[in-house]
C-alpha atoms as a PDB file:
ATOM      1  CA  MET A   1      22.888  10.370  43.398  1.00  0.00           C
ATOM      2  CA  ARG A   2      20.901   7.115  43.556  1.00  0.00           C
ATOM      3  CA  ILE A   3      22.880   3.979  44.397  1.00  0.00           C
ATOM      4  CA  ASP A   4      21.223   0.568  44.265  1.00  0.00           C
ATOM      5  CA  PHE A   5      23.218  -1.322  46.891  1.00  0.00           C
ATOM      6  CA  HIS A   6      21.606  -4.743  46.382  1.00  0.00           C
ATOM      7  CA  THR A   7      21.903  -6.213  42.880  1.00  0.00           C
ATOM      8  CA  HIS A   8      23.177  -9.579  41.661  1.00  0.00           C
ATOM      9  CA  ILE A   9      25.283 -10.603  38.680  1.00  0.00           C
ATOM     10  CA  ILE A  10      26.721 -13.808  37.233  1.00  0.00           C
ATOM     11  CA  PRO A  11      29.041 -14.462  34.268  1.00  0.00           C
ATOM     12  CA  GLU A  12      27.283 -15.470  31.060  1.00  0.00           C
ATOM     13  CA  SER A  13      29.386 -18.601  30.997  1.00  0.00           C
ATOM     14  CA  PHE A  14      31.750 -20.401  33.347  1.00  0.00           C
ATOM     15  CA  PRO A  15      33.202 -23.887  33.533  1.00  0.00           C
ATOM     16  CA  ASP A  16      31.017 -26.853  34.432  1.00  0.00           C
ATOM     17  CA  PHE A  17      32.468 -27.515  37.873  1.00  0.00           C
ATOM     18  CA  ALA A  18      30.184 -30.527  38.321  1.00  0.00           C
ATOM     19  CA  ASP A  19      31.889 -32.143  35.369  1.00  0.00           C
ATOM     20  CA  ARG A  20      35.345 -30.919  36.408  1.00  0.00           C
ATOM     21  CA  TYR A  21      35.284 -31.842  40.089  1.00  0.00           C
ATOM     22  CA  GLY A  22      32.178 -33.968  40.549  1.00  0.00           C
ATOM     23  CA  GLY A  23      29.344 -33.347  42.965  1.00  0.00           C
ATOM     24  CA  GLU A  24      25.759 -32.276  42.385  1.00  0.00           C
ATOM     25  CA  ARG A  25      25.730 -28.927  44.181  1.00  0.00           C
ATOM     26  CA  TRP A  26      27.690 -26.876  41.667  1.00  0.00           C
ATOM     27  CA  PRO A  27      25.552 -24.296  39.826  1.00  0.00           C
ATOM     28  CA  VAL A  28      25.529 -24.726  36.047  1.00  0.00           C
ATOM     29  CA  LEU A  29      24.221 -22.056  33.686  1.00  0.00           C
ATOM     30  CA  GLU A  30      22.196 -23.538  30.832  1.00  0.00           C
ATOM     31  CA  ARG A  31      21.101 -21.157  28.111  1.00  0.00           C
ATOM     32  CA  THR A  32      17.417 -21.405  27.198  1.00  0.00           C
ATOM     33  CA  CYS A  33      17.369 -18.670  24.568  1.00  0.00           C
ATOM     34  CA  THR A  34      19.464 -15.700  23.430  1.00  0.00           C
ATOM     35  CA  CYS A  35      18.153 -13.608  26.316  1.00  0.00           C
ATOM     36  CA  GLY A  36      17.792 -16.111  29.131  1.00  0.00           C
ATOM     37  CA  ALA A  37      19.113 -19.142  30.983  1.00  0.00           C
ATOM     38  CA  SER A  38      18.406 -21.529  33.822  1.00  0.00           C
ATOM     39  CA  ILE A  39      20.684 -21.928  36.801  1.00  0.00           C
ATOM     40  CA  MET A  40      20.751 -25.687  37.299  1.00  0.00           C
ATOM     41  CA  VAL A  41      21.835 -27.409  40.519  1.00  0.00           C
ATOM     42  CA  GLY A  42      21.969 -31.191  40.654  1.00  0.00           C
ATOM     43  CA  GLY A  43      19.973 -31.428  37.453  1.00  0.00           C
ATOM     44  CA  ASN A  44      17.139 -29.324  38.880  1.00  0.00           C
ATOM     45  CA  ASN A  45      16.162 -25.814  37.885  1.00  0.00           C
ATOM     46  CA  PHE A  46      17.233 -23.564  40.742  1.00  0.00           C
ATOM     47  CA  ARG A  47      16.204 -20.319  39.046  1.00  0.00           C
ATOM     48  CA  ASP A  48      15.414 -18.924  35.613  1.00  0.00           C
ATOM     49  CA  VAL A  49      17.274 -15.736  34.780  1.00  0.00           C
ATOM     50  CA  THR A  50      17.277 -13.209  31.973  1.00  0.00           C
ATOM     51  CA  ASP A  51      20.294 -11.643  30.313  1.00  0.00           C
ATOM     52  CA  GLN A  52      19.893  -8.713  32.713  1.00  0.00           C
ATOM     53  CA  VAL A  53      21.828 -10.833  35.183  1.00  0.00           C
ATOM     54  CA  TRP A  54      24.999 -10.924  33.064  1.00  0.00           C
ATOM     55  CA  SER A  55      24.734  -8.061  30.537  1.00  0.00           C
ATOM     56  CA  PRO A  56      26.001  -4.701  31.830  1.00  0.00           C
ATOM     57  CA  GLU A  57      24.457  -2.998  28.815  1.00  0.00           C
ATOM     58  CA  LYS A  58      20.992  -4.344  29.684  1.00  0.00           C
ATOM     59  CA  ARG A  59      21.518  -3.274  33.274  1.00  0.00           C
ATOM     60  CA  ILE A  60      22.514   0.237  32.250  1.00  0.00           C
ATOM     61  CA  ALA A  61      19.422   0.543  30.058  1.00  0.00           C
ATOM     62  CA  ASP A  62      17.277  -0.424  33.052  1.00  0.00           C
ATOM     63  CA  MET A  63      19.188   1.966  35.289  1.00  0.00           C
ATOM     64  CA  GLU A  64      18.556   4.825  32.872  1.00  0.00           C
ATOM     65  CA  ARG A  65      14.845   4.029  32.752  1.00  0.00           C
ATOM     66  CA  GLU A  66      14.525   3.594  36.532  1.00  0.00           C
ATOM     67  CA  GLY A  67      16.708   6.515  37.604  1.00  0.00           C
ATOM     68  CA  VAL A  68      19.633   4.603  39.136  1.00  0.00           C
ATOM     69  CA  ASP A  69      23.088   6.174  38.880  1.00  0.00           C
ATOM     70  CA  ILE A  70      25.202   3.320  40.288  1.00  0.00           C
ATOM     71  CA  GLN A  71      24.557  -0.374  40.893  1.00  0.00           C
ATOM     72  CA  VAL A  72      26.528  -2.333  43.466  1.00  0.00           C
ATOM     73  CA  LEU A  73      27.185  -5.745  41.910  1.00  0.00           C
ATOM     74  CA  SER A  74      27.323  -8.859  44.085  1.00  0.00           C
ATOM     75  CA  PRO A  75      27.366 -12.585  43.302  1.00  0.00           C
ATOM     76  CA  ILE A  76      24.254 -14.760  43.454  1.00  0.00           C
ATOM     77  CA  PRO A  77      24.488 -16.684  46.758  1.00  0.00           C
ATOM     78  CA  VAL A  78      23.967 -20.078  45.094  1.00  0.00           C
ATOM     79  CA  THR A  79      27.495 -19.664  43.728  1.00  0.00           C
ATOM     80  CA  PHE A  80      29.127 -19.303  47.178  1.00  0.00           C
ATOM     81  CA  SER A  81      29.911 -23.049  47.137  1.00  0.00           C
ATOM     82  CA  TYR A  82      30.918 -23.128  50.795  1.00  0.00           C
ATOM     83  CA  TRP A  83      30.311 -26.875  50.806  1.00  0.00           C
ATOM     84  CA  ALA A  84      33.092 -27.574  48.271  1.00  0.00           C
ATOM     85  CA  LYS A  85      36.793 -28.171  48.799  1.00  0.00           C
ATOM     86  CA  PRO A  86      38.397 -24.795  49.584  1.00  0.00           C
ATOM     87  CA  GLN A  87      40.623 -24.759  46.505  1.00  0.00           C
ATOM     88  CA  HIS A  88      37.672 -25.525  44.236  1.00  0.00           C
ATOM     89  CA  ALA A  89      35.466 -22.883  45.876  1.00  0.00           C
ATOM     90  CA  GLU A  90      38.334 -20.429  45.575  1.00  0.00           C
ATOM     91  CA  GLU A  91      38.482 -21.102  41.852  1.00  0.00           C
ATOM     92  CA  MET A  92      34.745 -20.444  41.533  1.00  0.00           C
ATOM     93  CA  ALA A  93      35.098 -17.260  43.585  1.00  0.00           C
ATOM     94  CA  LYS A  94      37.946 -15.963  41.438  1.00  0.00           C
ATOM     95  CA  ILE A  95      35.925 -16.441  38.255  1.00  0.00           C
ATOM     96  CA  GLN A  96      33.118 -14.355  39.671  1.00  0.00           C
ATOM     97  CA  ASN A  97      35.325 -11.730  41.278  1.00  0.00           C
ATOM     98  CA  ASN A  98      37.269 -11.265  38.052  1.00  0.00           C
ATOM     99  CA  PHE A  99      34.040 -10.928  36.072  1.00  0.00           C
ATOM    100  CA  ILE A 100      32.659  -8.329  38.478  1.00  0.00           C
ATOM    101  CA  ALA A 101      35.951  -6.403  38.384  1.00  0.00           C
ATOM    102  CA  GLU A 102      35.968  -6.502  34.580  1.00  0.00           C
ATOM    103  CA  THR A 103      32.402  -5.186  34.471  1.00  0.00           C
ATOM    104  CA  VAL A 104      33.226  -2.362  36.862  1.00  0.00           C
ATOM    105  CA  ALA A 105      36.399  -1.504  34.932  1.00  0.00           C
ATOM    106  CA  LYS A 106      34.402  -1.289  31.709  1.00  0.00           C
ATOM    107  CA  TYR A 107      31.776   1.013  33.218  1.00  0.00           C
ATOM    108  CA  PRO A 108      33.455   2.569  36.270  1.00  0.00           C
ATOM    109  CA  ASP A 109      30.902   5.353  36.632  1.00  0.00           C
ATOM    110  CA  ARG A 110      27.906   2.988  36.693  1.00  0.00           C
ATOM    111  CA  PHE A 111      29.023   0.008  38.765  1.00  0.00           C
ATOM    112  CA  VAL A 112      30.768  -0.847  42.026  1.00  0.00           C
ATOM    113  CA  GLY A 113      31.698  -4.425  42.888  1.00  0.00           C
ATOM    114  CA  LEU A 114      31.502  -6.728  45.883  1.00  0.00           C
ATOM    115  CA  GLY A 115      33.439  -9.986  45.850  1.00  0.00           C
ATOM    116  CA  THR A 116      32.914 -13.445  47.289  1.00  0.00           C
ATOM    117  CA  VAL A 117      35.355 -15.613  49.260  1.00  0.00           C
ATOM    118  CA  PRO A 118      35.491 -19.313  50.290  1.00  0.00           C
ATOM    119  CA  MET A 119      34.358 -18.923  53.894  1.00  0.00           C
ATOM    120  CA  GLN A 120      34.802 -22.642  54.650  1.00  0.00           C
ATOM    121  CA  ASP A 121      38.545 -22.038  55.011  1.00  0.00           C
ATOM    122  CA  GLY A 122      39.674 -18.988  56.975  1.00  0.00           C
ATOM    123  CA  PRO A 123      43.140 -18.399  55.472  1.00  0.00           C
ATOM    124  CA  THR A 124      41.852 -18.910  51.920  1.00  0.00           C
ATOM    125  CA  ALA A 125      38.969 -16.507  52.563  1.00  0.00           C
ATOM    126  CA  VAL A 126      41.346 -13.849  53.878  1.00  0.00           C
ATOM    127  CA  LYS A 127      43.677 -14.334  50.919  1.00  0.00           C
ATOM    128  CA  GLU A 128      40.894 -13.870  48.385  1.00  0.00           C
ATOM    129  CA  MET A 129      39.495 -10.882  50.290  1.00  0.00           C
ATOM    130  CA  ASP A 130      42.946  -9.301  50.075  1.00  0.00           C
ATOM    131  CA  ARG A 131      42.998  -9.895  46.312  1.00  0.00           C
ATOM    132  CA  CYS A 132      39.483  -8.525  45.875  1.00  0.00           C
ATOM    133  CA  ILE A 133      40.200  -5.282  47.692  1.00  0.00           C
ATOM    134  CA  ASN A 134      43.832  -4.570  46.869  1.00  0.00           C
ATOM    135  CA  GLU A 135      44.205  -6.027  43.368  1.00  0.00           C
ATOM    136  CA  LEU A 136      40.741  -5.984  41.831  1.00  0.00           C
ATOM    137  CA  GLN A 137      39.710  -2.719  43.519  1.00  0.00           C
ATOM    138  CA  LEU A 138      36.364  -4.110  44.651  1.00  0.00           C
ATOM    139  CA  HIS A 139      34.603  -2.214  47.412  1.00  0.00           C
ATOM    140  CA  GLY A 140      33.554  -4.991  49.767  1.00  0.00           C
ATOM    141  CA  ILE A 141      32.716  -8.664  50.258  1.00  0.00           C
ATOM    142  CA  GLU A 142      29.386 -10.471  50.224  1.00  0.00           C
ATOM    143  CA  ILE A 143      29.084 -13.458  52.570  1.00  0.00           C
ATOM    144  CA  GLY A 144      26.300 -15.853  53.506  1.00  0.00           C
ATOM    145  CA  THR A 145      24.405 -15.982  56.786  1.00  0.00           C
ATOM    146  CA  ASN A 146      25.931 -19.339  57.648  1.00  0.00           C
ATOM    147  CA  VAL A 147      28.653 -21.638  56.361  1.00  0.00           C
ATOM    148  CA  ASN A 148      27.647 -25.282  56.078  1.00  0.00           C
ATOM    149  CA  GLY A 149      25.307 -24.843  59.021  1.00  0.00           C
ATOM    150  CA  LYS A 150      27.896 -23.065  61.154  1.00  0.00           C
ATOM    151  CA  ASN A 151      26.669 -19.747  62.513  1.00  0.00           C
ATOM    152  CA  LEU A 152      28.880 -16.721  62.015  1.00  0.00           C
ATOM    153  CA  ASP A 153      30.263 -16.885  65.553  1.00  0.00           C
ATOM    154  CA  ASP A 154      32.161 -20.088  64.805  1.00  0.00           C
ATOM    155  CA  PRO A 155      35.826 -19.675  65.836  1.00  0.00           C
ATOM    156  CA  SER A 156      36.948 -20.508  62.305  1.00  0.00           C
ATOM    157  CA  PHE A 157      35.622 -17.117  61.109  1.00  0.00           C
ATOM    158  CA  ILE A 158      37.394 -14.945  63.666  1.00  0.00           C
ATOM    159  CA  GLU A 159      40.431 -14.301  61.459  1.00  0.00           C
ATOM    160  CA  PHE A 160      38.189 -13.235  58.578  1.00  0.00           C
ATOM    161  CA  PHE A 161      36.293 -10.700  60.699  1.00  0.00           C
ATOM    162  CA  GLN A 162      39.511  -9.482  62.290  1.00  0.00           C
ATOM    163  CA  MET A 163      41.068  -8.723  58.914  1.00  0.00           C
ATOM    164  CA  ALA A 164      37.852  -7.245  57.514  1.00  0.00           C
ATOM    165  CA  GLU A 165      37.868  -4.776  60.400  1.00  0.00           C
ATOM    166  CA  LYS A 166      41.602  -4.084  60.076  1.00  0.00           C
ATOM    167  CA  TRP A 167      41.368  -3.460  56.326  1.00  0.00           C
ATOM    168  CA  GLU A 168      38.041  -1.585  56.677  1.00  0.00           C
ATOM    169  CA  VAL A 169      36.305  -3.955  54.263  1.00  0.00           C
ATOM    170  CA  PRO A 170      32.508  -3.493  54.139  1.00  0.00           C
ATOM    171  CA  LEU A 171      30.583  -6.763  54.433  1.00  0.00           C
ATOM    172  CA  PHE A 172      27.201  -7.486  52.867  1.00  0.00           C
ATOM    173  CA  ILE A 173      25.485 -10.424  54.589  1.00  0.00           C
ATOM    174  CA  HIS A 174      22.924 -12.195  52.416  1.00  0.00           C
ATOM    175  CA  PRO A 175      20.694 -15.136  53.425  1.00  0.00           C
ATOM    176  CA  TRP A 176      21.350 -18.529  51.902  1.00  0.00           C
ATOM    177  CA  GLU A 177      20.875 -22.188  52.899  1.00  0.00           C
ATOM    178  CA  THR A 178      18.085 -21.029  55.161  1.00  0.00           C
ATOM    179  CA  LEU A 179      17.062 -22.655  58.421  1.00  0.00           C
ATOM    180  CA  GLY A 180      13.970 -24.878  58.301  1.00  0.00           C
ATOM    181  CA  ARG A 181      14.254 -25.588  54.581  1.00  0.00           C
ATOM    182  CA  ASP A 182      12.363 -28.857  54.949  1.00  0.00           C
ATOM    183  CA  ARG A 183       9.335 -26.896  56.165  1.00  0.00           C
ATOM    184  CA  MET A 184       9.567 -24.110  53.569  1.00  0.00           C
ATOM    185  CA  ALA A 185       8.992 -26.057  50.360  1.00  0.00           C
ATOM    186  CA  ASN A 186       5.373 -24.999  49.890  1.00  0.00           C
ATOM    187  CA  HIS A 187       4.301 -21.491  48.874  1.00  0.00           C
ATOM    188  CA  ASN A 188       7.890 -20.363  48.177  1.00  0.00           C
ATOM    189  CA  PHE A 189       8.212 -19.714  51.910  1.00  0.00           C
ATOM    190  CA  MET A 190      11.996 -20.047  51.608  1.00  0.00           C
ATOM    191  CA  TYR A 191      12.026 -16.577  50.054  1.00  0.00           C
ATOM    192  CA  THR A 192       9.310 -14.871  52.100  1.00  0.00           C
ATOM    193  CA  VAL A 193       9.731 -16.503  55.530  1.00  0.00           C
ATOM    194  CA  GLY A 194      12.971 -18.505  55.498  1.00  0.00           C
ATOM    195  CA  MET A 195      15.310 -15.786  54.260  1.00  0.00           C
ATOM    196  CA  PRO A 196      14.117 -13.091  56.714  1.00  0.00           C
ATOM    197  CA  SER A 197      14.380 -15.573  59.584  1.00  0.00           C
ATOM    198  CA  GLU A 198      17.835 -16.714  58.483  1.00  0.00           C
ATOM    199  CA  THR A 199      19.037 -13.122  58.358  1.00  0.00           C
ATOM    200  CA  ALA A 200      17.689 -12.464  61.840  1.00  0.00           C
ATOM    201  CA  LEU A 201      19.599 -15.482  63.162  1.00  0.00           C
ATOM    202  CA  ALA A 202      22.846 -14.234  61.593  1.00  0.00           C
ATOM    203  CA  ALA A 203      22.439 -10.728  62.992  1.00  0.00           C
ATOM    204  CA  ALA A 204      21.532 -11.988  66.450  1.00  0.00           C
ATOM    205  CA  THR A 205      24.511 -14.359  66.380  1.00  0.00           C
ATOM    206  CA  LEU A 206      27.010 -11.603  65.593  1.00  0.00           C
ATOM    207  CA  ILE A 207      25.684  -9.583  68.508  1.00  0.00           C
ATOM    208  CA  TRP A 208      25.029 -12.190  71.210  1.00  0.00           C
ATOM    209  CA  SER A 209      28.326 -13.984  70.637  1.00  0.00           C
ATOM    210  CA  GLY A 210      30.316 -10.812  71.204  1.00  0.00           C
ATOM    211  CA  ILE A 211      31.662 -10.524  67.641  1.00  0.00           C
ATOM    212  CA  MET A 212      30.404  -6.945  67.292  1.00  0.00           C
ATOM    213  CA  GLU A 213      31.809  -6.049  70.703  1.00  0.00           C
ATOM    214  CA  LYS A 214      35.163  -7.608  69.827  1.00  0.00           C
ATOM    215  CA  PHE A 215      35.280  -5.840  66.438  1.00  0.00           C
ATOM    216  CA  PRO A 216      33.452  -2.525  66.970  1.00  0.00           C
ATOM    217  CA  ARG A 217      34.671  -1.007  63.689  1.00  0.00           C
ATOM    218  CA  LEU A 218      33.426  -3.919  61.580  1.00  0.00           C
ATOM    219  CA  LYS A 219      31.181  -2.607  58.794  1.00  0.00           C
ATOM    220  CA  VAL A 220      28.219  -4.953  58.264  1.00  0.00           C
ATOM    221  CA  CYS A 221      25.093  -4.522  56.144  1.00  0.00           C
ATOM    222  CA  PHE A 222      22.212  -7.016  56.117  1.00  0.00           C
ATOM    223  CA  ALA A 223      20.056  -7.719  53.071  1.00  0.00           C
ATOM    224  CA  HIS A 224      16.271  -7.397  52.882  1.00  0.00           C
ATOM    225  CA  GLY A 225      16.034  -4.736  55.554  1.00  0.00           C
ATOM    226  CA  GLY A 226      17.634  -7.093  58.054  1.00  0.00           C
ATOM    227  CA  GLY A 227      14.838  -9.613  57.561  1.00  0.00           C
ATOM    228  CA  SER A 228      12.889 -10.099  60.795  1.00  0.00           C
ATOM    229  CA  PHE A 229      15.793  -8.950  62.969  1.00  0.00           C
ATOM    230  CA  PRO A 230      14.612  -5.350  63.583  1.00  0.00           C
ATOM    231  CA  TYR A 231      11.289  -6.626  64.902  1.00  0.00           C
ATOM    232  CA  ILE A 232      12.645  -9.290  67.278  1.00  0.00           C
ATOM    233  CA  LEU A 233      15.340  -7.036  68.737  1.00  0.00           C
ATOM    234  CA  PRO A 234      13.274  -6.156  71.836  1.00  0.00           C
ATOM    235  CA  ARG A 235      12.791  -9.883  72.472  1.00  0.00           C
ATOM    236  CA  LEU A 236      16.552 -10.420  72.211  1.00  0.00           C
ATOM    237  CA  ASP A 237      17.025  -7.648  74.777  1.00  0.00           C
ATOM    238  CA  LYS A 238      14.539  -9.347  77.072  1.00  0.00           C
ATOM    239  CA  GLY A 239      16.411 -12.630  76.770  1.00  0.00           C
ATOM    240  CA  TRP A 240      19.678 -10.877  77.627  1.00  0.00           C
ATOM    241  CA  GLU A 241      17.958  -9.349  80.666  1.00  0.00           C
ATOM    242  CA  VAL A 242      16.451 -12.541  82.105  1.00  0.00           C
ATOM    243  CA  TRP A 243      19.295 -14.965  81.328  1.00  0.00           C
ATOM    244  CA  PRO A 244      22.393 -13.347  82.843  1.00  0.00           C
ATOM    245  CA  HIS A 245      24.196 -16.711  82.803  1.00  0.00           C
ATOM    246  CA  LEU A 246      24.091 -16.622  78.970  1.00  0.00           C
ATOM    247  CA  ARG A 247      25.475 -13.114  78.557  1.00  0.00           C
ATOM    248  CA  LEU A 248      28.672 -12.785  76.562  1.00  0.00           C
ATOM    249  CA  THR A 249      28.523  -9.012  76.074  1.00  0.00           C
ATOM    250  CA  THR A 250      28.742  -5.954  78.278  1.00  0.00           C
ATOM    251  CA  HIS A 251      25.566  -4.381  76.927  1.00  0.00           C
ATOM    252  CA  PRO A 252      22.191  -5.676  75.670  1.00  0.00           C
ATOM    253  CA  PRO A 253      21.755  -6.574  71.976  1.00  0.00           C
ATOM    254  CA  SER A 254      20.105  -3.266  70.995  1.00  0.00           C
ATOM    255  CA  TYR A 255      23.321  -1.458  71.941  1.00  0.00           C
ATOM    256  CA  TYR A 256      25.345  -3.338  69.319  1.00  0.00           C
ATOM    257  CA  ALA A 257      22.557  -3.396  66.727  1.00  0.00           C
ATOM    258  CA  LYS A 258      23.227   0.285  66.151  1.00  0.00           C
ATOM    259  CA  GLN A 259      26.531  -0.729  64.530  1.00  0.00           C
ATOM    260  CA  PHE A 260      24.634  -2.511  61.735  1.00  0.00           C
ATOM    261  CA  TYR A 261      23.528  -1.195  58.354  1.00  0.00           C
ATOM    262  CA  PHE A 262      20.543  -2.402  56.327  1.00  0.00           C
ATOM    263  CA  ASP A 263      19.300  -2.159  52.790  1.00  0.00           C
ATOM    264  CA  SER A 264      15.797  -0.730  52.362  1.00  0.00           C
ATOM    265  CA  LEU A 265      14.195  -3.787  50.756  1.00  0.00           C
ATOM    266  CA  ASN A 266      11.169  -4.234  53.005  1.00  0.00           C
ATOM    267  CA  TYR A 267       8.568  -2.805  50.592  1.00  0.00           C
ATOM    268  CA  ASP A 268       6.584  -0.748  53.106  1.00  0.00           C
ATOM    269  CA  PRO A 269       7.086   2.836  54.335  1.00  0.00           C
ATOM    270  CA  LEU A 270       5.770   1.751  57.748  1.00  0.00           C
ATOM    271  CA  ASN A 271       8.758  -0.576  58.058  1.00  0.00           C
ATOM    272  CA  ILE A 272      11.165   2.100  56.849  1.00  0.00           C
ATOM    273  CA  LYS A 273       9.872   4.519  59.475  1.00  0.00           C
ATOM    274  CA  TYR A 274      10.275   1.872  62.170  1.00  0.00           C
ATOM    275  CA  MET A 275      13.859   1.193  61.089  1.00  0.00           C
ATOM    276  CA  ILE A 276      14.661   4.898  61.108  1.00  0.00           C
ATOM    277  CA  GLU A 277      13.340   5.191  64.659  1.00  0.00           C
ATOM    278  CA  ARG A 278      15.218   2.074  65.747  1.00  0.00           C
ATOM    279  CA  PHE A 279      18.589   2.566  64.009  1.00  0.00           C
ATOM    280  CA  GLY A 280      18.664   6.033  62.455  1.00  0.00           C
ATOM    281  CA  HIS A 281      18.275   6.911  58.786  1.00  0.00           C
ATOM    282  CA  GLU A 282      22.067   6.970  58.395  1.00  0.00           C
ATOM    283  CA  LYS A 283      22.141   3.171  58.650  1.00  0.00           C
ATOM    284  CA  ILE A 284      19.743   2.491  55.767  1.00  0.00           C
ATOM    285  CA  PHE A 285      20.387   2.554  52.046  1.00  0.00           C
ATOM    286  CA  MET A 286      18.477   1.739  48.909  1.00  0.00           C
ATOM    287  CA  GLY A 287      18.593  -1.833  47.648  1.00  0.00           C
ATOM    288  CA  SER A 288      16.303  -3.464  45.089  1.00  0.00           C
ATOM    289  CA  ASP A 289      17.460  -7.116  44.594  1.00  0.00           C
ATOM    290  CA  TYR A 290      17.766  -6.449  40.856  1.00  0.00           C
ATOM    291  CA  PRO A 291      17.080  -8.324  38.577  1.00  0.00           C
ATOM    292  CA  PHE A 292      14.995 -10.967  40.388  1.00  0.00           C
ATOM    293  CA  LEU A 293      11.230 -11.376  40.725  1.00  0.00           C
ATOM    294  CA  LEU A 294      11.013 -10.055  44.285  1.00  0.00           C
ATOM    295  CA  ARG A 295      12.902  -6.897  43.396  1.00  0.00           C
ATOM    296  CA  GLU A 296      11.580  -3.435  44.082  1.00  0.00           C
ATOM    297  CA  ILE A 297      10.491  -1.565  40.955  1.00  0.00           C
ATOM    298  CA  ASP A 298      11.482   1.227  40.691  1.00  0.00           C
ATOM    299  CA  PRO A 299      14.538   0.998  42.965  1.00  0.00           C
ATOM    300  CA  GLY A 300      14.047   3.255  45.964  1.00  0.00           C
ATOM    301  CA  LYS A 301      10.264   3.251  45.678  1.00  0.00           C
ATOM    302  CA  VAL A 302       9.755   2.546  49.380  1.00  0.00           C
ATOM    303  CA  ILE A 303      11.996   5.494  50.286  1.00  0.00           C
ATOM    304  CA  ASP A 304      10.310   7.770  47.760  1.00  0.00           C
ATOM    305  CA  GLU A 305       6.910   6.860  49.236  1.00  0.00           C
ATOM    306  CA  THR A 306       7.946   7.546  52.844  1.00  0.00           C
ATOM    307  CA  VAL A 307       6.519  11.052  52.894  1.00  0.00           C
ATOM    308  CA  GLU A 308       7.719  12.078  56.363  1.00  0.00           C
ATOM    309  CA  LEU A 309      11.379  12.127  55.341  1.00  0.00           C
ATOM    310  CA  THR A 310      13.346  15.334  55.060  1.00  0.00           C
ATOM    311  CA  GLU A 311      15.091  15.959  51.764  1.00  0.00           C
ATOM    312  CA  GLN A 312      18.446  15.261  53.416  1.00  0.00           C
ATOM    313  CA  GLN A 313      17.224  11.978  54.885  1.00  0.00           C
ATOM    314  CA  ARG A 314      15.882  10.957  51.496  1.00  0.00           C
ATOM    315  CA  ALA A 315      19.118  11.862  49.715  1.00  0.00           C
ATOM    316  CA  ASP A 316      21.167  10.002  52.310  1.00  0.00           C
ATOM    317  CA  MET A 317      19.111   6.810  52.063  1.00  0.00           C
ATOM    318  CA  LEU A 318      18.930   6.880  48.263  1.00  0.00           C
ATOM    319  CA  GLY A 319      22.675   7.141  47.805  1.00  0.00           C
ATOM    320  CA  GLU A 320      24.848   9.086  50.216  1.00  0.00           C
ATOM    321  CA  ASN A 321      24.778   6.474  53.004  1.00  0.00           C
ATOM    322  CA  ALA A 322      25.814   3.688  50.626  1.00  0.00           C
ATOM    323  CA  ALA A 323      28.577   5.871  49.215  1.00  0.00           C
ATOM    324  CA  ARG A 324      29.988   6.436  52.677  1.00  0.00           C
ATOM    325  CA  PHE A 325      29.626   2.777  53.667  1.00  0.00           C
ATOM    326  CA  LEU A 326      31.480   1.627  50.527  1.00  0.00           C
ATOM    327  CA  ASN A 327      33.974   4.510  50.433  1.00  0.00           C
ATOM    328  CA  ILE A 328      32.725   5.634  47.023  1.00  0.00           C
ATOM    329  CA  GLU A 329      33.879   9.052  45.972  1.00  0.00           C
ATOM    330  CA  LYS A 330      31.571  11.163  43.860  1.00  0.00           C
ATOM    331  CA  LYS A 331      34.268  11.942  41.324  1.00  0.00           C
ATOM    332  CA  LYS A 332      34.753   9.719  38.299  1.00  0.00           C
ATOM    333  CA  ARG A 333      36.527   6.528  39.218  1.00  0.00           C
ATOM    334  CA  GLY A 334      37.922   5.511  35.833  1.00  0.00           C
ATOM    335  CA  ALA A 335      41.508   6.287  36.806  1.00  0.00           C
ATOM    336  CA  VAL A 336      41.290   3.931  39.786  1.00  0.00           C
ATOM    337  CA  TYR A 337      40.237   0.955  37.707  1.00  0.00           C
ATOM    338  CA  ALA A 338      42.628   1.738  34.883  1.00  0.00           C
ATOM    339  CA  ASN A 339      45.402   0.575  37.202  1.00  0.00           C
ATOM    340  CA  SER A 340      43.596  -2.419  38.687  1.00  0.00           C
ATOM    341  CA  ALA A 341      45.077  -5.893  38.293  1.00  0.00           C
ATOM    342  CA  ILE A 342      42.181  -7.086  36.151  1.00  0.00           C
ATOM    343  CA  THR A 343      42.868  -4.636  33.323  1.00  0.00           C
ATOM    344  CA  GLY A 344      46.525  -5.466  33.085  1.00  0.00           C
ATOM    345  CA  GLU A 345      47.375  -1.831  32.456  1.00  0.00           C
END
């Protein structure tokens, strides 16, 4: 079984929130042709997309061609809208969560869904997480690496992490609103340097602040192979060693890093082998970033090309680890979604 843990989806159409509520930061989907569109933000083209990003049928055709059994669907981070009023961001989140649930319900053996929540308001985020998991039957929540510049150790997020641990909700942490954006404009460095650095900051924050010690059963996966985090972990340990007055945890960072999971999207078997040695193969699962330009084609290529793996390690990383992380059973899941709130049955 091959599960692509890291794919993005957006509804083909949704209300123009910029017109409805004002503000220039709302994403607006403008069709450019029958098979494509531009995601516009503040009148500027944020990203061009093809109909692969909203059509489950196109996705399934690609999955068949590329040997993927299940895609895990998650929102595009530009739609998080953490900057907006909580009730408006909640409305945007519900539109996307409902669309993802509808897509999964239509093709329950090909898709699994992750939802989004308005992280700028703790109680509202918890409420929508509850709806995602218990009504829509989604399998986890995707969140950003920061919320309006607040790192993930901000006290306002404690309730969210507490309930995610209590309800055993898997979290997928994806970079967005990256640090140093004013220095990343040239060369598309936001994608190749900014995002990996932003992810490293989020991972380090969860560890150093004591969040992972406080919530040891919290299930967290980082996008893009954890960005630069795996490679700066020894430096974080050194900092913990030489600055005892800054310690907030019982153990050094590498101790808690073993609680993390990572997708495999680092493109190079040398990096995969390093991550296996550092964290164990059980903590890594295939992710391609479908359907965007930086995606891995075919999904799982870097795992397939890591020749030193045993067959069990390969099978685990290509699908079994993700299935366990997301609590996906191998049996057909149609009956589960037939009774979900989104179908009305």
